[in-house]
Amino acid sequence: MYNWNWSIFSEVSPDGQYTYWQTLINGLGWTLTVALTAWVVALVLGAIIGVIRTTPVKPLVWFGNAWVELFRNIPLLVQMFLWFYVVPEFLPTAMGSAIKAWPQYSVVAAIICLGLFTSARVAEQVKAGIQSLPRGQNMAGTALGLTLPQTYRYVLLPMAGRIVIPPLTSEFLNIIKNSSVAFTIAVVELMGAARSMQEFTFQVFEAFTAATIIYLVVNGCVILLMRTIERLTRVPGFIAAGGGGGH
């Protein structure tokens, strides 16, 4: 018979500094730090890769396609281990040893891994958003005498950016959830804190119930924020209320 003990959250954890509830909150802080920083990396790189995959410059298209296929087709957990355990071994001995001895390298490795992994998914969304625009918009930029970069900057990207907000919301939620994989390389984020709690107290249901509720609250806030952004940036008559495109 399982012994429920919800008061466990107010007990002091083995480190003697925090209660278990504070440990979960600290884990949430690391989750948000890793996820938000990785999201900035993913958004910048994904936008660049997505754009170059729609250009008429073949070498850029090949590079973009290779980038997407590389990071999209290798499991996230494998990539996490590669960045943390393997990459330092390919560096010069002194540099590799210094990196492995750096206390925050696990966090940096998690950010790099999540950022690059998600950038491939963001690139797909950006490419789809640009290609969903009417061909006449690109032609209009050419007719106005705009260069290719100017056409993207002033004509295509402002509209495509609005179209891809709904799918980017899903990617934002995914990167928060995927950050839980970082506990495998010793990042004590929310999932790592919950696992630590259940290992010391054996109150597995309480620990993971709390983690689940925290994830739901955080993701709910993200959805509300992104829906607000979508509503404020919607172009009347072009992007439907449900997030679809109408041309």
C-alpha atoms as a PDB file:
ATOM      1  CA  MET A   1       0.000   0.000   0.000  1.00  0.00           C
ATOM      2  CA  TYR A   2       1.448   3.372  -1.071  1.00  0.00           C
ATOM      3  CA  ASN A   3       1.880   5.884   1.768  1.00  0.00           C
ATOM      4  CA  TRP A   4       0.790   9.315   0.539  1.00  0.00           C
ATOM      5  CA  ASN A   5       2.609  12.228   2.171  1.00  0.00           C
ATOM      6  CA  TRP A   6       1.872  15.634   0.684  1.00  0.00           C
ATOM      7  CA  SER A   7       3.629  17.368   3.570  1.00  0.00           C
ATOM      8  CA  ILE A   8       6.931  16.118   2.103  1.00  0.00           C
ATOM      9  CA  PHE A   9       7.237  19.383   0.164  1.00  0.00           C
ATOM     10  CA  SER A  10       7.793  21.346   3.370  1.00  0.00           C
ATOM     11  CA  GLU A  11      10.559  19.037   4.610  1.00  0.00           C
ATOM     12  CA  VAL A  12      14.208  20.020   4.221  1.00  0.00           C
ATOM     13  CA  SER A  13      16.051  18.294   1.377  1.00  0.00           C
ATOM     14  CA  PRO A  14      19.354  16.434   2.020  1.00  0.00           C
ATOM     15  CA  ASP A  15      21.403  19.511   1.079  1.00  0.00           C
ATOM     16  CA  GLY A  16      20.118  21.149   4.262  1.00  0.00           C
ATOM     17  CA  GLN A  17      19.466  24.471   2.509  1.00  0.00           C
ATOM     18  CA  TYR A  18      16.101  24.146   0.802  1.00  0.00           C
ATOM     19  CA  THR A  19      12.805  22.420   1.288  1.00  0.00           C
ATOM     20  CA  TYR A  20      11.721  20.010  -1.436  1.00  0.00           C
ATOM     21  CA  TRP A  21       9.278  22.614  -2.752  1.00  0.00           C
ATOM     22  CA  GLN A  22      12.100  25.149  -3.070  1.00  0.00           C
ATOM     23  CA  THR A  23      14.186  22.493  -4.817  1.00  0.00           C
ATOM     24  CA  LEU A  24      11.442  22.060  -7.418  1.00  0.00           C
ATOM     25  CA  ILE A  25      11.214  25.830  -7.895  1.00  0.00           C
ATOM     26  CA  ASN A  26      14.993  26.028  -8.347  1.00  0.00           C
ATOM     27  CA  GLY A  27      14.668  23.239 -10.911  1.00  0.00           C
ATOM     28  CA  LEU A  28      11.997  25.268 -12.698  1.00  0.00           C
ATOM     29  CA  GLY A  29      14.426  28.198 -12.794  1.00  0.00           C
ATOM     30  CA  TRP A  30      17.026  26.057 -14.561  1.00  0.00           C
ATOM     31  CA  THR A  31      14.360  24.678 -16.905  1.00  0.00           C
ATOM     32  CA  LEU A  32      13.370  28.190 -17.965  1.00  0.00           C
ATOM     33  CA  THR A  33      17.003  29.316 -18.230  1.00  0.00           C
ATOM     34  CA  VAL A  34      17.937  26.428 -20.509  1.00  0.00           C
ATOM     35  CA  ALA A  35      14.718  26.538 -22.549  1.00  0.00           C
ATOM     36  CA  LEU A  36      14.600  30.317 -23.105  1.00  0.00           C
ATOM     37  CA  THR A  37      18.290  30.614 -23.997  1.00  0.00           C
ATOM     38  CA  ALA A  38      18.053  27.631 -26.336  1.00  0.00           C
ATOM     39  CA  TRP A  39      14.918  29.160 -27.878  1.00  0.00           C
ATOM     40  CA  VAL A  40      16.824  32.338 -28.776  1.00  0.00           C
ATOM     41  CA  VAL A  41      19.518  30.196 -30.443  1.00  0.00           C
ATOM     42  CA  ALA A  42      16.896  28.106 -32.252  1.00  0.00           C
ATOM     43  CA  LEU A  43      14.902  31.114 -33.416  1.00  0.00           C
ATOM     44  CA  VAL A  44      17.908  32.978 -34.840  1.00  0.00           C
ATOM     45  CA  LEU A  45      19.518  29.974 -36.534  1.00  0.00           C
ATOM     46  CA  GLY A  46      16.184  28.503 -37.622  1.00  0.00           C
ATOM     47  CA  ALA A  47      15.101  31.753 -39.250  1.00  0.00           C
ATOM     48  CA  ILE A  48      18.394  32.031 -41.153  1.00  0.00           C
ATOM     49  CA  ILE A  49      18.351  28.400 -42.286  1.00  0.00           C
ATOM     50  CA  GLY A  50      14.669  28.589 -43.215  1.00  0.00           C
ATOM     51  CA  VAL A  51      15.209  31.683 -45.335  1.00  0.00           C
ATOM     52  CA  ILE A  52      18.254  30.413 -47.234  1.00  0.00           C
ATOM     53  CA  ARG A  53      16.379  27.203 -48.095  1.00  0.00           C
ATOM     54  CA  THR A  54      13.889  29.293 -50.112  1.00  0.00           C
ATOM     55  CA  THR A  55      16.477  31.287 -52.038  1.00  0.00           C
ATOM     56  CA  PRO A  56      17.507  30.480 -55.634  1.00  0.00           C
ATOM     57  CA  VAL A  57      21.134  30.046 -54.505  1.00  0.00           C
ATOM     58  CA  LYS A  58      21.682  26.287 -54.752  1.00  0.00           C
ATOM     59  CA  PRO A  59      24.728  25.966 -52.422  1.00  0.00           C
ATOM     60  CA  LEU A  60      22.800  27.760 -49.675  1.00  0.00           C
ATOM     61  CA  VAL A  61      19.786  25.513 -50.237  1.00  0.00           C
ATOM     62  CA  TRP A  62      21.968  22.395 -50.038  1.00  0.00           C
ATOM     63  CA  PHE A  63      23.594  23.653 -46.836  1.00  0.00           C
ATOM     64  CA  GLY A  64      20.196  24.435 -45.293  1.00  0.00           C
ATOM     65  CA  ASN A  65      18.779  21.042 -46.260  1.00  0.00           C
ATOM     66  CA  ALA A  66      21.824  19.259 -44.829  1.00  0.00           C
ATOM     67  CA  TRP A  67      21.487  21.229 -41.576  1.00  0.00           C
ATOM     68  CA  VAL A  68      17.831  20.281 -41.172  1.00  0.00           C
ATOM     69  CA  GLU A  69      18.348  16.612 -42.010  1.00  0.00           C
ATOM     70  CA  LEU A  70      21.338  16.342 -39.666  1.00  0.00           C
ATOM     71  CA  PHE A  71      19.743  17.788 -36.542  1.00  0.00           C
ATOM     72  CA  ARG A  72      16.210  16.551 -37.190  1.00  0.00           C
ATOM     73  CA  ASN A  73      17.090  12.886 -37.769  1.00  0.00           C
ATOM     74  CA  ILE A  74      19.372  12.246 -34.793  1.00  0.00           C
ATOM     75  CA  PRO A  75      17.479  11.572 -31.540  1.00  0.00           C
ATOM     76  CA  LEU A  76      17.685  14.403 -29.034  1.00  0.00           C
ATOM     77  CA  LEU A  77      19.089  12.179 -26.289  1.00  0.00           C
ATOM     78  CA  VAL A  78      21.916  11.038 -28.571  1.00  0.00           C
ATOM     79  CA  GLN A  79      22.739  14.642 -29.474  1.00  0.00           C
ATOM     80  CA  MET A  80      22.749  15.578 -25.776  1.00  0.00           C
ATOM     81  CA  PHE A  81      25.306  12.857 -25.016  1.00  0.00           C
ATOM     82  CA  LEU A  82      27.407  13.820 -28.043  1.00  0.00           C
ATOM     83  CA  TRP A  83      27.685  17.443 -26.969  1.00  0.00           C
ATOM     84  CA  PHE A  84      28.430  16.617 -23.345  1.00  0.00           C
ATOM     85  CA  TYR A  85      30.666  13.541 -23.587  1.00  0.00           C
ATOM     86  CA  VAL A  86      32.097  13.400 -27.120  1.00  0.00           C
ATOM     87  CA  VAL A  87      32.679  16.968 -28.355  1.00  0.00           C
ATOM     88  CA  PRO A  88      35.245  17.859 -25.616  1.00  0.00           C
ATOM     89  CA  GLU A  89      37.286  14.801 -26.640  1.00  0.00           C
ATOM     90  CA  PHE A  90      37.804  16.230 -30.142  1.00  0.00           C
ATOM     91  CA  LEU A  91      39.256  19.473 -28.798  1.00  0.00           C
ATOM     92  CA  PRO A  92      42.908  19.989 -27.845  1.00  0.00           C
ATOM     93  CA  THR A  93      43.667  18.163 -24.595  1.00  0.00           C
ATOM     94  CA  ALA A  94      44.056  21.269 -22.426  1.00  0.00           C
ATOM     95  CA  MET A  95      40.908  22.888 -23.811  1.00  0.00           C
ATOM     96  CA  GLY A  96      38.871  19.695 -23.535  1.00  0.00           C
ATOM     97  CA  SER A  97      39.967  19.151 -19.935  1.00  0.00           C
ATOM     98  CA  ALA A  98      39.129  22.738 -19.019  1.00  0.00           C
ATOM     99  CA  ILE A  99      35.684  22.440 -20.564  1.00  0.00           C
ATOM    100  CA  LYS A 100      34.944  19.153 -18.784  1.00  0.00           C
ATOM    101  CA  ALA A 101      36.062  20.705 -15.483  1.00  0.00           C
ATOM    102  CA  TRP A 102      33.829  23.764 -15.976  1.00  0.00           C
ATOM    103  CA  PRO A 103      30.920  23.387 -13.507  1.00  0.00           C
ATOM    104  CA  GLN A 104      28.386  24.959 -15.875  1.00  0.00           C
ATOM    105  CA  TYR A 105      29.381  23.027 -18.984  1.00  0.00           C
ATOM    106  CA  SER A 106      26.409  20.695 -18.617  1.00  0.00           C
ATOM    107  CA  VAL A 107      24.071  23.708 -18.835  1.00  0.00           C
ATOM    108  CA  VAL A 108      25.927  25.127 -21.843  1.00  0.00           C
ATOM    109  CA  ALA A 109      25.903  21.738 -23.576  1.00  0.00           C
ATOM    110  CA  ALA A 110      22.159  21.418 -22.969  1.00  0.00           C
ATOM    111  CA  ILE A 111      21.525  24.898 -24.394  1.00  0.00           C
ATOM    112  CA  ILE A 112      23.627  24.237 -27.501  1.00  0.00           C
ATOM    113  CA  CYS A 113      22.025  20.837 -28.059  1.00  0.00           C
ATOM    114  CA  LEU A 114      18.438  22.043 -27.633  1.00  0.00           C
ATOM    115  CA  GLY A 115      19.096  25.185 -29.669  1.00  0.00           C
ATOM    116  CA  LEU A 116      20.539  23.343 -32.664  1.00  0.00           C
ATOM    117  CA  PHE A 117      17.991  20.510 -32.484  1.00  0.00           C
ATOM    118  CA  THR A 118      15.069  22.947 -32.415  1.00  0.00           C
ATOM    119  CA  SER A 119      16.598  25.229 -35.070  1.00  0.00           C
ATOM    120  CA  ALA A 120      16.005  22.487 -37.647  1.00  0.00           C
ATOM    121  CA  ARG A 121      12.317  22.391 -36.725  1.00  0.00           C
ATOM    122  CA  VAL A 122      12.037  26.181 -36.742  1.00  0.00           C
ATOM    123  CA  ALA A 123      13.712  26.249 -40.168  1.00  0.00           C
ATOM    124  CA  GLU A 124      11.007  23.941 -41.515  1.00  0.00           C
ATOM    125  CA  GLN A 125       8.280  26.244 -40.189  1.00  0.00           C
ATOM    126  CA  VAL A 126       9.925  29.371 -41.604  1.00  0.00           C
ATOM    127  CA  LYS A 127      10.389  27.727 -44.990  1.00  0.00           C
ATOM    128  CA  ALA A 128       6.755  26.607 -45.046  1.00  0.00           C
ATOM    129  CA  GLY A 129       5.597  30.098 -44.053  1.00  0.00           C
ATOM    130  CA  ILE A 130       7.526  31.756 -46.879  1.00  0.00           C
ATOM    131  CA  GLN A 131       6.402  29.205 -49.452  1.00  0.00           C
ATOM    132  CA  SER A 132       2.764  29.637 -48.398  1.00  0.00           C
ATOM    133  CA  LEU A 133       2.794  33.256 -49.579  1.00  0.00           C
ATOM    134  CA  PRO A 134       1.353  34.056 -53.016  1.00  0.00           C
ATOM    135  CA  ARG A 135       4.019  34.094 -55.730  1.00  0.00           C
ATOM    136  CA  GLY A 136       2.840  37.557 -56.650  1.00  0.00           C
ATOM    137  CA  GLN A 137       4.437  39.044 -53.536  1.00  0.00           C
ATOM    138  CA  ASN A 138       7.903  37.961 -54.620  1.00  0.00           C
ATOM    139  CA  MET A 139       7.234  39.219 -58.137  1.00  0.00           C
ATOM    140  CA  ALA A 140       5.984  42.514 -56.756  1.00  0.00           C
ATOM    141  CA  GLY A 141       9.279  43.018 -54.952  1.00  0.00           C
ATOM    142  CA  THR A 142      11.172  42.356 -58.169  1.00  0.00           C
ATOM    143  CA  ALA A 143       8.896  44.738 -60.085  1.00  0.00           C
ATOM    144  CA  LEU A 144       9.613  47.465 -57.545  1.00  0.00           C
ATOM    145  CA  GLY A 145      13.331  47.070 -58.176  1.00  0.00           C
ATOM    146  CA  LEU A 146      14.107  45.528 -54.795  1.00  0.00           C
ATOM    147  CA  THR A 147      17.100  43.248 -54.429  1.00  0.00           C
ATOM    148  CA  LEU A 148      16.583  39.706 -53.170  1.00  0.00           C
ATOM    149  CA  PRO A 149      17.571  40.581 -49.563  1.00  0.00           C
ATOM    150  CA  GLN A 150      15.289  43.639 -49.679  1.00  0.00           C
ATOM    151  CA  THR A 151      12.406  41.553 -51.002  1.00  0.00           C
ATOM    152  CA  TYR A 152      12.773  39.158 -48.079  1.00  0.00           C
ATOM    153  CA  ARG A 153      13.170  41.932 -45.539  1.00  0.00           C
ATOM    154  CA  TYR A 154      10.346  44.239 -46.632  1.00  0.00           C
ATOM    155  CA  VAL A 155       7.873  41.948 -48.425  1.00  0.00           C
ATOM    156  CA  LEU A 156       8.140  38.250 -47.584  1.00  0.00           C
ATOM    157  CA  LEU A 157       9.366  37.980 -44.002  1.00  0.00           C
ATOM    158  CA  PRO A 158       6.910  40.459 -42.402  1.00  0.00           C
ATOM    159  CA  MET A 159       3.995  38.360 -43.682  1.00  0.00           C
ATOM    160  CA  ALA A 160       5.611  34.930 -43.258  1.00  0.00           C
ATOM    161  CA  GLY A 161       6.557  35.815 -39.692  1.00  0.00           C
ATOM    162  CA  ARG A 162       2.911  36.324 -38.817  1.00  0.00           C
ATOM    163  CA  ILE A 163       1.881  33.062 -40.461  1.00  0.00           C
ATOM    164  CA  VAL A 164       4.395  30.926 -38.553  1.00  0.00           C
ATOM    165  CA  ILE A 165       3.522  32.207 -35.070  1.00  0.00           C
ATOM    166  CA  PRO A 166       1.064  29.327 -34.339  1.00  0.00           C
ATOM    167  CA  PRO A 167       3.498  26.525 -35.319  1.00  0.00           C
ATOM    168  CA  LEU A 168       6.311  28.336 -33.516  1.00  0.00           C
ATOM    169  CA  THR A 169       4.137  28.233 -30.395  1.00  0.00           C
ATOM    170  CA  SER A 170       4.247  24.440 -30.602  1.00  0.00           C
ATOM    171  CA  GLU A 171       8.030  24.510 -30.997  1.00  0.00           C
ATOM    172  CA  PHE A 172       8.325  26.825 -27.979  1.00  0.00           C
ATOM    173  CA  LEU A 173       6.298  24.370 -25.911  1.00  0.00           C
ATOM    174  CA  ASN A 174       8.409  21.495 -27.234  1.00  0.00           C
ATOM    175  CA  ILE A 175      11.681  23.108 -26.219  1.00  0.00           C
ATOM    176  CA  ILE A 176      10.401  23.580 -22.664  1.00  0.00           C
ATOM    177  CA  LYS A 177       9.369  19.926 -22.502  1.00  0.00           C
ATOM    178  CA  ASN A 178      12.527  18.715 -24.242  1.00  0.00           C
ATOM    179  CA  SER A 179      14.643  20.506 -21.636  1.00  0.00           C
ATOM    180  CA  SER A 180      13.750  17.622 -19.312  1.00  0.00           C
ATOM    181  CA  VAL A 181      16.298  15.515 -21.230  1.00  0.00           C
ATOM    182  CA  ALA A 182      19.029  17.735 -19.754  1.00  0.00           C
ATOM    183  CA  PHE A 183      18.805  15.866 -16.444  1.00  0.00           C
ATOM    184  CA  THR A 184      20.688  13.000 -18.165  1.00  0.00           C
ATOM    185  CA  ILE A 185      23.815  15.177 -18.226  1.00  0.00           C
ATOM    186  CA  ALA A 186      23.434  16.355 -14.616  1.00  0.00           C
ATOM    187  CA  VAL A 187      21.467  19.569 -15.170  1.00  0.00           C
ATOM    188  CA  VAL A 188      19.182  19.788 -12.136  1.00  0.00           C
ATOM    189  CA  GLU A 189      16.206  21.260 -13.981  1.00  0.00           C
ATOM    190  CA  LEU A 190      12.592  20.536 -13.033  1.00  0.00           C
ATOM    191  CA  MET A 191      12.622  16.869 -14.023  1.00  0.00           C
ATOM    192  CA  GLY A 192      16.008  16.350 -12.397  1.00  0.00           C
ATOM    193  CA  ALA A 193      14.734  17.978  -9.184  1.00  0.00           C
ATOM    194  CA  ALA A 194      11.641  15.750  -9.192  1.00  0.00           C
ATOM    195  CA  ARG A 195      13.765  12.620  -9.712  1.00  0.00           C
ATOM    196  CA  SER A 196      16.092  13.699  -6.913  1.00  0.00           C
ATOM    197  CA  MET A 197      13.114  14.184  -4.621  1.00  0.00           C
ATOM    198  CA  GLN A 198      11.636  10.764  -5.335  1.00  0.00           C
ATOM    199  CA  GLU A 199      15.005   9.038  -4.943  1.00  0.00           C
ATOM    200  CA  PHE A 200      15.571  10.500  -1.463  1.00  0.00           C
ATOM    201  CA  THR A 201      11.988  10.267  -0.183  1.00  0.00           C
ATOM    202  CA  PHE A 202      10.459   7.458  -2.290  1.00  0.00           C
ATOM    203  CA  GLN A 203       7.379   9.716  -2.672  1.00  0.00           C
ATOM    204  CA  VAL A 204       7.306   9.217  -6.415  1.00  0.00           C
ATOM    205  CA  PHE A 205       3.694  10.230  -7.033  1.00  0.00           C
ATOM    206  CA  GLU A 206       3.961  13.471  -5.068  1.00  0.00           C
ATOM    207  CA  ALA A 207       7.209  14.467  -6.805  1.00  0.00           C
ATOM    208  CA  PHE A 208       6.033  13.876 -10.359  1.00  0.00           C
ATOM    209  CA  THR A 209       2.528  15.192  -9.729  1.00  0.00           C
ATOM    210  CA  ALA A 210       4.063  18.502  -8.639  1.00  0.00           C
ATOM    211  CA  ALA A 211       6.378  18.534 -11.667  1.00  0.00           C
ATOM    212  CA  THR A 212       3.447  17.803 -13.993  1.00  0.00           C
ATOM    213  CA  ILE A 213       1.373  20.652 -12.544  1.00  0.00           C
ATOM    214  CA  ILE A 214       4.301  23.076 -12.861  1.00  0.00           C
ATOM    215  CA  TYR A 215       4.820  22.071 -16.515  1.00  0.00           C
ATOM    216  CA  LEU A 216       1.108  22.588 -17.217  1.00  0.00           C
ATOM    217  CA  VAL A 217       1.110  26.045 -15.619  1.00  0.00           C
ATOM    218  CA  VAL A 218       4.248  27.151 -17.491  1.00  0.00           C
ATOM    219  CA  ASN A 219       3.004  25.848 -20.845  1.00  0.00           C
ATOM    220  CA  GLY A 220      -0.395  27.426 -20.247  1.00  0.00           C
ATOM    221  CA  CYS A 221       1.286  30.803 -19.732  1.00  0.00           C
ATOM    222  CA  VAL A 222       3.296  30.306 -22.947  1.00  0.00           C
ATOM    223  CA  ILE A 223       0.116  29.538 -24.911  1.00  0.00           C
ATOM    224  CA  LEU A 224      -1.634  32.652 -23.584  1.00  0.00           C
ATOM    225  CA  LEU A 225       1.404  34.802 -24.401  1.00  0.00           C
ATOM    226  CA  MET A 226       1.753  33.470 -27.937  1.00  0.00           C
ATOM    227  CA  ARG A 227      -1.970  33.818 -28.617  1.00  0.00           C
ATOM    228  CA  THR A 228      -1.759  37.443 -27.531  1.00  0.00           C
ATOM    229  CA  ILE A 229       1.193  38.029 -29.865  1.00  0.00           C
ATOM    230  CA  GLU A 230      -0.663  36.273 -32.681  1.00  0.00           C
ATOM    231  CA  ARG A 231      -3.746  38.431 -32.158  1.00  0.00           C
ATOM    232  CA  LEU A 232      -1.728  41.670 -32.066  1.00  0.00           C
ATOM    233  CA  THR A 233       0.261  40.846 -35.220  1.00  0.00           C
ATOM    234  CA  ARG A 234      -2.575  39.377 -37.294  1.00  0.00           C
ATOM    235  CA  VAL A 235      -3.184  41.037 -40.653  1.00  0.00           C
ATOM    236  CA  PRO A 236      -6.970  41.446 -41.180  1.00  0.00           C
ATOM    237  CA  GLY A 237      -8.170  39.649 -44.281  1.00  0.00           C
ATOM    238  CA  PHE A 238      -4.946  37.673 -44.673  1.00  0.00           C
ATOM    239  CA  ILE A 239      -4.521  35.527 -41.577  1.00  0.00           C
ATOM    240  CA  ALA A 240      -7.640  33.940 -40.198  1.00  0.00           C
ATOM    241  CA  ALA A 241      -8.572  34.077 -36.520  1.00  0.00           C
ATOM    242  CA  GLY A 242      -7.755  30.413 -36.047  1.00  0.00           C
ATOM    243  CA  GLY A 243      -4.165  30.901 -37.207  1.00  0.00           C
ATOM    244  CA  GLY A 244      -4.632  29.600 -40.751  1.00  0.00           C
ATOM    245  CA  GLY A 245      -3.797  31.480 -43.893  1.00  0.00           C
ATOM    246  CA  GLY A 246      -6.279  32.949 -46.279  1.00  0.00           C
ATOM    247  CA  HIS A 247      -4.935  34.567 -49.434  1.00  0.00           C
END
